[in-house]
Structures are given as C-alpha cells and as structure tokens.
C-alpha cells in the first residue's frame, strides 16, 4: 500500500514567491550599498578639501604675519613676494601684493596661496589693510637674556 502525503495546494506557489522576495531584497541591499559607498567617497573628498583650505589659510596667515613683522614698506626687501612654500607644504605657492594707497593711508595687502588638486588649480586669497610702521627704531634683538638649559632626564 502506497501512502501519499496530504496535498497542500497553498504552498505550491509560495516557493516561487520566496525566490522573488530574495531577488528584490538583494537588489535593494545592493542599491543601499552603492549609496553608502558614494556618500563615503564624497565625505573623503570633502575632508581632503577642508585639509587643503586649512593649510592654505595657515600659509596665508604666515605671509601676513611677515608683512606685519617688517612692515609693508620693507617686506619686498626682506622677503620674496612670490615663491614656493617650504616643506612640508611644497605643493603650495604664495604671492603677496602690497599696494600703497597714498601718504597716511594704510597699505592694501593681498596674500594668495595656490595649489593643484584633482588636476585643477585651486586658490585662496585674503585682502587686508596694514598700516605703515611709524618711527625709525630698528627691530630689537628678540633673544632671551640668558640661555635656557633643560634637563634631559
């Protein structure tokens, strides 16, 4: 005697439906992963751009401090107004333009730092006014009166 299992017509179409659910779920997962990878790439590019802007701002600040240290009249005599930044910033170059605005008026100073990123030239500029240094006092020696010794314990 042969015994057949009971016939279940409700499960017969269910097997194909489960396969479709698995395929649709895989497609949705793949789309989500592509979106996440794209956002990660954009975040890394934004972080790199932020680092470059931070470095450029620091280099501009350095050039403006040099203008303040020696005065706008003597800057070109003491420092180069254009050139490549020293290591570790050799990928950046700078230019400082100083324009006199007449007697008694402050000088217009434009400091620009440029670099190449992603095959494109990038540039950051800052424009400010710097007053002339008054008086004929020479720059003092800014050395400590005694040498500081530190123990290397």
N, C-alpha and C. Protein backbone atom coordinates (compact mmCIF):
# COMPACT_ATOMS: atom_id res chain seq x y z
N UNK A 1 0.83 -1.15 0.00
CA UNK A 1 0.00 0.00 0.00
C UNK A 1 0.89 1.25 0.00
N UNK A 2 0.61 2.18 -0.86
CA UNK A 2 1.37 3.42 -1.00
C UNK A 2 0.57 4.53 -0.35
N UNK A 3 1.29 5.24 0.52
CA UNK A 3 0.63 6.37 1.21
C UNK A 3 1.23 7.66 0.66
N UNK A 4 0.40 8.48 0.16
CA UNK A 4 0.83 9.79 -0.36
C UNK A 4 0.63 10.83 0.73
N UNK A 5 1.57 11.79 0.81
CA UNK A 5 1.37 12.86 1.79
C UNK A 5 0.16 13.68 1.40
N UNK A 6 -0.42 14.31 2.37
CA UNK A 6 -1.60 15.11 2.03
C UNK A 6 -1.24 16.24 1.05
N UNK A 7 -2.14 16.49 0.18
CA UNK A 7 -1.93 17.51 -0.87
C UNK A 7 -2.11 18.90 -0.26
N UNK A 8 -1.07 19.79 -0.47
CA UNK A 8 -1.15 21.17 0.04
C UNK A 8 -1.08 22.15 -1.13
N UNK A 9 -2.15 22.55 -1.66
CA UNK A 9 -2.13 23.47 -2.79
C UNK A 9 -1.69 24.88 -2.40
N UNK A 10 -1.80 25.27 -1.13
CA UNK A 10 -1.45 26.64 -0.73
C UNK A 10 0.06 26.86 -0.75
N UNK A 11 0.89 25.87 -0.67
CA UNK A 11 2.34 26.02 -0.61
C UNK A 11 3.00 25.95 -1.96
N UNK A 12 2.30 25.46 -2.96
CA UNK A 12 2.90 25.24 -4.25
C UNK A 12 3.39 26.56 -4.87
N UNK A 13 2.66 27.63 -4.88
CA UNK A 13 3.05 28.92 -5.44
C UNK A 13 3.97 29.71 -4.52
N UNK A 14 4.06 29.36 -3.28
CA UNK A 14 4.85 30.08 -2.27
C UNK A 14 6.35 29.98 -2.55
N UNK A 15 6.82 28.87 -3.09
CA UNK A 15 8.25 28.68 -3.35
C UNK A 15 8.75 29.71 -4.35
N UNK A 16 8.05 29.97 -5.40
CA UNK A 16 8.44 30.97 -6.39
C UNK A 16 8.39 32.38 -5.82
N UNK A 17 7.42 32.64 -4.98
CA UNK A 17 7.29 33.95 -4.36
C UNK A 17 8.48 34.24 -3.44
N UNK A 18 8.98 33.26 -2.71
CA UNK A 18 10.14 33.42 -1.83
C UNK A 18 11.38 33.77 -2.65
N UNK A 19 11.53 33.15 -3.81
CA UNK A 19 12.67 33.46 -4.68
C UNK A 19 12.60 34.91 -5.15
N UNK A 20 11.43 35.38 -5.51
CA UNK A 20 11.27 36.78 -5.94
C UNK A 20 11.58 37.72 -4.78
N UNK A 21 11.14 37.38 -3.57
CA UNK A 21 11.46 38.20 -2.40
C UNK A 21 12.96 38.29 -2.18
N UNK A 22 13.66 37.19 -2.35
CA UNK A 22 15.12 37.17 -2.16
C UNK A 22 15.81 38.04 -3.21
N UNK A 23 15.37 37.97 -4.44
CA UNK A 23 15.98 38.78 -5.52
C UNK A 23 15.72 40.26 -5.27
N UNK A 24 14.50 40.62 -4.94
CA UNK A 24 14.16 42.03 -4.68
C UNK A 24 14.94 42.54 -3.47
N UNK A 25 15.05 41.73 -2.43
CA UNK A 25 15.83 42.12 -1.24
C UNK A 25 17.29 42.34 -1.58
N UNK A 26 17.85 41.48 -2.44
CA UNK A 26 19.25 41.64 -2.85
C UNK A 26 19.45 42.92 -3.65
N UNK A 27 18.51 43.24 -4.52
CA UNK A 27 18.61 44.47 -5.32
C UNK A 27 18.55 45.69 -4.41
N UNK A 28 17.65 45.69 -3.44
CA UNK A 28 17.54 46.82 -2.50
C UNK A 28 18.82 46.96 -1.68
N UNK A 29 19.37 45.84 -1.23
CA UNK A 29 20.62 45.87 -0.48
C UNK A 29 21.76 46.41 -1.34
N UNK A 30 21.83 46.00 -2.60
CA UNK A 30 22.88 46.49 -3.50
C UNK A 30 22.75 48.00 -3.71
N UNK A 31 21.54 48.49 -3.90
CA UNK A 31 21.34 49.93 -4.07
C UNK A 31 21.74 50.71 -2.82
N UNK A 32 21.43 50.16 -1.66
CA UNK A 32 21.81 50.82 -0.41
C UNK A 32 23.33 50.86 -0.26
N UNK A 33 24.00 49.77 -0.61
CA UNK A 33 25.47 49.74 -0.52
C UNK A 33 26.12 50.73 -1.48
N UNK A 34 25.59 50.83 -2.69
CA UNK A 34 26.12 51.79 -3.66
C UNK A 34 25.95 53.21 -3.13
N UNK A 35 24.80 53.51 -2.54
CA UNK A 35 24.58 54.85 -1.97
C UNK A 35 25.54 55.13 -0.83
N UNK A 36 25.75 54.16 0.04
CA UNK A 36 26.66 54.35 1.17
C UNK A 36 28.09 54.56 0.69
N UNK A 37 28.52 53.79 -0.31
CA UNK A 37 29.87 53.96 -0.85
C UNK A 37 30.03 55.33 -1.51
N UNK A 38 28.99 55.79 -2.20
CA UNK A 38 29.05 57.12 -2.81
C UNK A 38 29.16 58.22 -1.77
N UNK A 39 28.40 58.10 -0.70
CA UNK A 39 28.47 59.10 0.37
C UNK A 39 29.84 59.07 1.06
N UNK A 40 30.40 57.89 1.22
CA UNK A 40 31.74 57.79 1.82
C UNK A 40 32.78 58.48 0.95
N UNK A 41 32.69 58.28 -0.36
CA UNK A 41 33.61 58.95 -1.27
C UNK A 41 33.49 60.46 -1.21
N UNK A 42 32.26 60.95 -1.14
CA UNK A 42 32.05 62.40 -1.03
C UNK A 42 32.58 62.93 0.29
N UNK A 43 32.40 62.18 1.36
CA UNK A 43 32.90 62.62 2.67
C UNK A 43 34.42 62.70 2.67
N UNK A 44 35.08 61.73 2.06
CA UNK A 44 36.54 61.76 1.99
C UNK A 44 37.04 62.93 1.14
N UNK A 45 36.35 63.21 0.03
CA UNK A 45 36.74 64.34 -0.80
C UNK A 45 36.54 65.66 -0.06
N UNK A 46 35.46 65.78 0.69
CA UNK A 46 35.22 66.99 1.47
C UNK A 46 36.26 67.16 2.57
N UNK A 47 36.65 66.06 3.18
CA UNK A 47 37.67 66.14 4.22
C UNK A 47 39.01 66.59 3.63
N UNK A 48 39.37 66.06 2.47
CA UNK A 48 40.62 66.46 1.82
C UNK A 48 40.58 67.94 1.45
N UNK A 49 39.46 68.40 0.94
CA UNK A 49 39.31 69.81 0.58
C UNK A 49 39.45 70.69 1.82
N UNK A 50 38.87 70.26 2.93
CA UNK A 50 38.99 71.00 4.18
C UNK A 50 40.43 71.08 4.66
N UNK A 51 41.17 69.98 4.52
CA UNK A 51 42.59 69.98 4.92
C UNK A 51 43.39 70.95 4.06
N UNK A 52 43.11 70.96 2.75
CA UNK A 52 43.83 71.87 1.86
C UNK A 52 43.51 73.33 2.20
N UNK A 53 42.26 73.64 2.47
CA UNK A 53 41.89 75.01 2.82
C UNK A 53 42.51 75.42 4.15
N UNK A 54 42.57 74.49 5.11
CA UNK A 54 43.21 74.78 6.40
C UNK A 54 44.69 75.10 6.20
N UNK A 55 45.38 74.29 5.40
CA UNK A 55 46.80 74.53 5.14
C UNK A 55 47.01 75.86 4.42
N UNK A 56 46.17 76.14 3.43
CA UNK A 56 46.30 77.40 2.68
C UNK A 56 46.06 78.60 3.59
N UNK A 57 45.07 78.51 4.46
CA UNK A 57 44.80 79.61 5.40
C UNK A 57 45.97 79.83 6.34
N UNK A 58 46.58 78.74 6.79
CA UNK A 58 47.74 78.85 7.68
C UNK A 58 48.92 79.51 6.95
N UNK A 59 49.13 79.14 5.69
CA UNK A 59 50.24 79.72 4.92
C UNK A 59 49.98 81.20 4.62
N UNK A 60 48.74 81.57 4.35
CA UNK A 60 48.41 82.98 4.16
C UNK A 60 48.65 83.76 5.44
N UNK A 61 48.23 83.19 6.56
CA UNK A 61 48.44 83.84 7.85
C UNK A 61 49.93 84.06 8.11
N UNK A 62 50.74 83.10 7.73
CA UNK A 62 52.19 83.24 7.90
C UNK A 62 52.72 84.42 7.08
N UNK A 63 52.29 84.54 5.83
CA UNK A 63 52.76 85.64 4.98
C UNK A 63 52.29 87.00 5.53
N UNK A 64 51.05 87.07 5.99
CA UNK A 64 50.56 88.33 6.55
C UNK A 64 51.30 88.70 7.83
N UNK A 65 51.66 87.71 8.63
CA UNK A 65 52.45 87.99 9.84
C UNK A 65 53.84 88.50 9.49
N UNK A 66 54.41 88.02 8.38
CA UNK A 66 55.71 88.54 7.94
C UNK A 66 55.59 90.00 7.51
N UNK A 67 54.48 90.34 6.84
CA UNK A 67 54.26 91.74 6.46
C UNK A 67 54.16 92.60 7.71
N UNK A 68 53.44 92.13 8.71
CA UNK A 68 53.31 92.89 9.96
C UNK A 68 54.65 93.00 10.69
N UNK A 69 55.46 91.96 10.62
CA UNK A 69 56.72 91.94 11.38
C UNK A 69 57.71 92.97 10.86
N UNK A 70 57.84 93.10 9.55
CA UNK A 70 58.84 94.03 8.99
C UNK A 70 58.22 95.30 8.45
N UNK A 71 56.90 95.32 8.33
CA UNK A 71 56.23 96.49 7.76
C UNK A 71 56.05 96.33 6.27
N UNK A 72 54.98 96.91 5.73
CA UNK A 72 54.72 96.77 4.30
C UNK A 72 55.77 97.44 3.41
N UNK A 73 56.45 98.49 3.94
CA UNK A 73 57.46 99.18 3.13
C UNK A 73 58.68 98.30 2.89
N UNK A 74 59.09 97.52 3.89
CA UNK A 74 60.32 96.74 3.80
C UNK A 74 60.09 95.28 3.45
N UNK A 75 58.87 94.86 3.27
CA UNK A 75 58.60 93.44 3.06
C UNK A 75 59.34 92.90 1.84
N UNK A 76 59.24 93.59 0.71
CA UNK A 76 59.87 93.10 -0.53
C UNK A 76 61.39 93.09 -0.42
N UNK A 77 61.94 93.96 0.39
CA UNK A 77 63.39 94.00 0.56
C UNK A 77 63.88 92.81 1.40
N UNK A 78 63.08 92.39 2.37
CA UNK A 78 63.49 91.34 3.30
C UNK A 78 63.05 89.95 2.83
N UNK A 79 61.85 89.85 2.25
CA UNK A 79 61.29 88.55 1.87
C UNK A 79 60.92 88.55 0.40
N UNK A 80 60.83 87.34 -0.17
CA UNK A 80 60.33 87.19 -1.54
C UNK A 80 58.83 87.40 -1.54
N UNK A 81 58.34 88.16 -2.53
CA UNK A 81 56.91 88.42 -2.61
C UNK A 81 56.18 87.28 -3.31
N UNK A 82 56.92 86.36 -3.91
CA UNK A 82 56.31 85.26 -4.65
C UNK A 82 57.24 84.07 -4.57
N UNK A 83 56.67 82.88 -4.44
CA UNK A 83 57.52 81.69 -4.41
C UNK A 83 56.78 80.45 -3.98
N UNK A 84 57.55 79.39 -3.84
CA UNK A 84 57.04 78.09 -3.40
C UNK A 84 57.17 78.00 -1.90
N UNK A 85 56.18 77.43 -1.24
CA UNK A 85 56.21 77.28 0.22
C UNK A 85 57.22 76.20 0.61
N UNK A 86 57.84 76.34 1.78
CA UNK A 86 58.82 75.34 2.21
C UNK A 86 58.14 74.03 2.61
N UNK A 87 58.95 72.99 2.72
CA UNK A 87 58.42 71.68 3.14
C UNK A 87 57.81 71.79 4.52
N UNK A 88 56.79 71.08 4.81
CA UNK A 88 56.12 70.02 4.05
C UNK A 88 55.00 70.54 3.16
N UNK A 89 55.02 71.81 2.83
CA UNK A 89 53.96 72.43 2.02
C UNK A 89 54.46 72.80 0.63
N UNK A 90 55.34 71.98 0.07
CA UNK A 90 55.94 72.30 -1.23
C UNK A 90 54.93 72.25 -2.37
N UNK A 91 53.75 71.69 -2.15
CA UNK A 91 52.71 71.67 -3.19
C UNK A 91 52.00 73.01 -3.31
N UNK A 92 52.26 73.92 -2.39
CA UNK A 92 51.60 75.23 -2.37
C UNK A 92 52.59 76.31 -2.80
N UNK A 93 52.08 77.33 -3.46
CA UNK A 93 52.89 78.51 -3.78
C UNK A 93 52.14 79.75 -3.29
N UNK A 94 52.90 80.81 -3.03
CA UNK A 94 52.29 82.02 -2.46
C UNK A 94 52.68 83.24 -3.28
N UNK A 95 51.89 84.28 -3.13
CA UNK A 95 52.19 85.58 -3.72
C UNK A 95 51.60 86.65 -2.80
N UNK A 96 52.40 87.67 -2.52
CA UNK A 96 51.96 88.78 -1.68
C UNK A 96 52.06 90.06 -2.51
N UNK A 97 50.94 90.76 -2.68
CA UNK A 97 50.91 92.03 -3.40
C UNK A 97 50.65 93.13 -2.40
N UNK A 98 51.51 94.13 -2.39
CA UNK A 98 51.37 95.26 -1.47
C UNK A 98 51.24 96.53 -2.31
N UNK A 99 50.15 97.27 -2.09
CA UNK A 99 49.88 98.47 -2.86
C UNK A 99 49.76 99.65 -1.90
N UNK A 100 50.52 100.71 -2.20
CA UNK A 100 50.44 101.94 -1.41
C UNK A 100 49.18 102.69 -1.81
N UNK A 101 48.49 103.24 -0.83
CA UNK A 101 47.26 103.98 -1.09
C UNK A 101 47.43 105.46 -0.79
N UNK A 102 48.66 105.93 -0.80
CA UNK A 102 48.92 107.35 -0.56
C UNK A 102 49.43 107.59 0.84
N UNK A 103 50.00 108.78 1.04
CA UNK A 103 50.56 109.13 2.34
C UNK A 103 49.51 109.10 3.43
N UNK A 104 49.86 108.49 4.53
CA UNK A 104 48.98 108.45 5.69
C UNK A 104 47.91 107.37 5.64
N UNK A 105 47.75 106.75 4.51
CA UNK A 105 46.74 105.68 4.38
C UNK A 105 47.41 104.32 4.54
N UNK A 106 46.66 103.34 5.02
CA UNK A 106 47.25 102.00 5.15
C UNK A 106 47.49 101.37 3.77
N UNK A 107 48.41 100.44 3.75
CA UNK A 107 48.73 99.71 2.53
C UNK A 107 47.69 98.62 2.31
N UNK A 108 47.36 98.38 1.04
CA UNK A 108 46.49 97.26 0.71
C UNK A 108 47.38 96.04 0.49
N UNK A 109 47.11 94.95 1.21
CA UNK A 109 47.91 93.73 1.12
C UNK A 109 46.99 92.60 0.69
N UNK A 110 47.37 91.92 -0.39
CA UNK A 110 46.63 90.75 -0.87
C UNK A 110 47.59 89.57 -0.83
N UNK A 111 47.28 88.59 -0.02
CA UNK A 111 48.08 87.36 0.07
C UNK A 111 47.29 86.23 -0.58
N UNK A 112 47.95 85.53 -1.50
CA UNK A 112 47.30 84.45 -2.24
C UNK A 112 48.14 83.19 -2.13
N UNK A 113 47.49 82.08 -1.88
CA UNK A 113 48.14 80.76 -1.88
C UNK A 113 47.42 79.92 -2.92
N UNK A 114 48.18 79.24 -3.78
CA UNK A 114 47.58 78.40 -4.81
C UNK A 114 48.21 77.01 -4.77
N UNK A 115 47.44 76.04 -5.24
CA UNK A 115 47.89 74.66 -5.29
C UNK A 115 47.06 73.92 -6.33
N UNK A 116 47.49 72.72 -6.67
CA UNK A 116 46.77 71.90 -7.64
C UNK A 116 46.12 70.73 -6.90
N UNK A 117 44.86 70.50 -7.22
CA UNK A 117 44.13 69.40 -6.58
C UNK A 117 43.19 68.78 -7.60
N UNK A 118 43.33 67.50 -7.80
CA UNK A 118 42.45 66.80 -8.75
C UNK A 118 42.60 67.30 -10.16
N UNK A 119 43.81 67.72 -10.54
CA UNK A 119 44.04 68.22 -11.89
C UNK A 119 43.55 69.64 -12.13
N UNK A 120 43.08 70.30 -11.09
CA UNK A 120 42.59 71.68 -11.22
C UNK A 120 43.37 72.60 -10.31
N UNK A 121 43.60 73.82 -10.76
CA UNK A 121 44.28 74.81 -9.93
C UNK A 121 43.30 75.39 -8.92
N UNK A 122 43.72 75.42 -7.67
CA UNK A 122 42.92 75.97 -6.58
C UNK A 122 43.64 77.20 -6.04
N UNK A 123 42.89 78.11 -5.45
CA UNK A 123 43.49 79.36 -4.97
C UNK A 123 42.67 79.90 -3.81
N UNK A 124 43.38 80.46 -2.84
CA UNK A 124 42.74 81.12 -1.71
C UNK A 124 43.44 82.46 -1.51
N UNK A 125 42.67 83.54 -1.43
CA UNK A 125 43.23 84.88 -1.27
C UNK A 125 42.60 85.58 -0.07
N UNK A 126 43.42 86.42 0.57
CA UNK A 126 42.96 87.26 1.67
C UNK A 126 43.43 88.67 1.39
N UNK A 127 42.53 89.63 1.51
CA UNK A 127 42.87 91.04 1.31
C UNK A 127 42.67 91.77 2.63
N UNK A 128 43.64 92.60 2.99
CA UNK A 128 43.55 93.35 4.24
C UNK A 128 44.30 94.67 4.09
N UNK A 129 44.17 95.53 5.09
CA UNK A 129 44.89 96.79 5.13
C UNK A 129 45.89 96.74 6.27
N UNK A 130 47.12 97.20 6.00
CA UNK A 130 48.18 97.19 7.01
C UNK A 130 48.76 98.60 7.08
N UNK A 131 48.81 99.15 8.29
CA UNK A 131 49.37 100.48 8.48
C UNK A 131 50.89 100.43 8.38
N UNK A 132 51.45 101.55 7.97
CA UNK A 132 52.91 101.66 7.90
C UNK A 132 53.49 101.67 9.31
N UNK A 133 54.70 101.19 9.43
CA UNK A 133 55.38 101.21 10.73
C UNK A 133 55.88 102.63 10.97
N UNK A 134 55.58 103.15 12.14
CA UNK A 134 55.99 104.51 12.47
C UNK A 134 57.30 104.50 13.22
N UNK A 135 58.08 105.54 13.04
CA UNK A 135 59.33 105.67 13.78
C UNK A 135 60.49 105.01 13.06
N UNK A 136 61.68 105.38 13.51
CA UNK A 136 62.89 104.86 12.90
C UNK A 136 63.59 103.85 13.80
N UNK A 137 62.90 103.36 14.81
CA UNK A 137 63.52 102.41 15.72
C UNK A 137 63.81 101.11 14.98
N UNK A 138 65.03 100.61 15.11
CA UNK A 138 65.33 99.32 14.47
C UNK A 138 64.63 98.19 15.22
N UNK A 139 64.50 97.07 14.54
CA UNK A 139 63.92 95.90 15.20
C UNK A 139 64.85 95.44 16.31
N UNK A 140 64.32 95.25 17.51
CA UNK A 140 65.18 94.79 18.60
C UNK A 140 65.53 93.31 18.44
N UNK A 141 66.67 92.92 19.04
CA UNK A 141 67.00 91.50 19.08
C UNK A 141 66.06 90.84 20.06
N UNK A 142 65.38 89.85 19.60
CA UNK A 142 64.40 89.17 20.46
C UNK A 142 64.97 87.86 20.98
N UNK A 143 66.13 87.95 21.59
CA UNK A 143 66.76 86.78 22.19
C UNK A 143 66.64 86.88 23.70
N UNK A 144 66.48 85.76 24.38
CA UNK A 144 66.42 85.83 25.85
C UNK A 144 67.76 86.27 26.42
N UNK A 145 67.75 86.97 27.56
CA UNK A 145 69.00 87.47 28.14
C UNK A 145 69.93 86.34 28.58
N UNK A 146 69.37 85.22 28.96
CA UNK A 146 70.20 84.06 29.34
C UNK A 146 69.69 82.84 28.59
N UNK A 147 70.60 81.93 28.33
CA UNK A 147 70.24 80.71 27.64
C UNK A 147 69.52 79.77 28.60
N UNK A 148 68.44 79.22 28.14
CA UNK A 148 67.66 78.29 28.97
C UNK A 148 68.21 76.89 28.76
N UNK A 149 68.56 76.24 29.87
CA UNK A 149 69.02 74.84 29.79
C UNK A 149 67.96 73.95 30.41
N UNK A 150 67.73 72.86 29.76
CA UNK A 150 66.72 71.92 30.25
C UNK A 150 67.38 70.58 30.51
N UNK A 151 66.98 69.96 31.61
CA UNK A 151 67.49 68.62 31.93
C UNK A 151 66.80 67.61 31.04
N UNK A 152 67.56 66.72 30.49
CA UNK A 152 67.03 65.66 29.64
C UNK A 152 66.91 64.36 30.44
N UNK A 153 66.24 64.42 31.57
CA UNK A 153 66.11 63.25 32.46
C UNK A 153 65.12 62.27 31.94
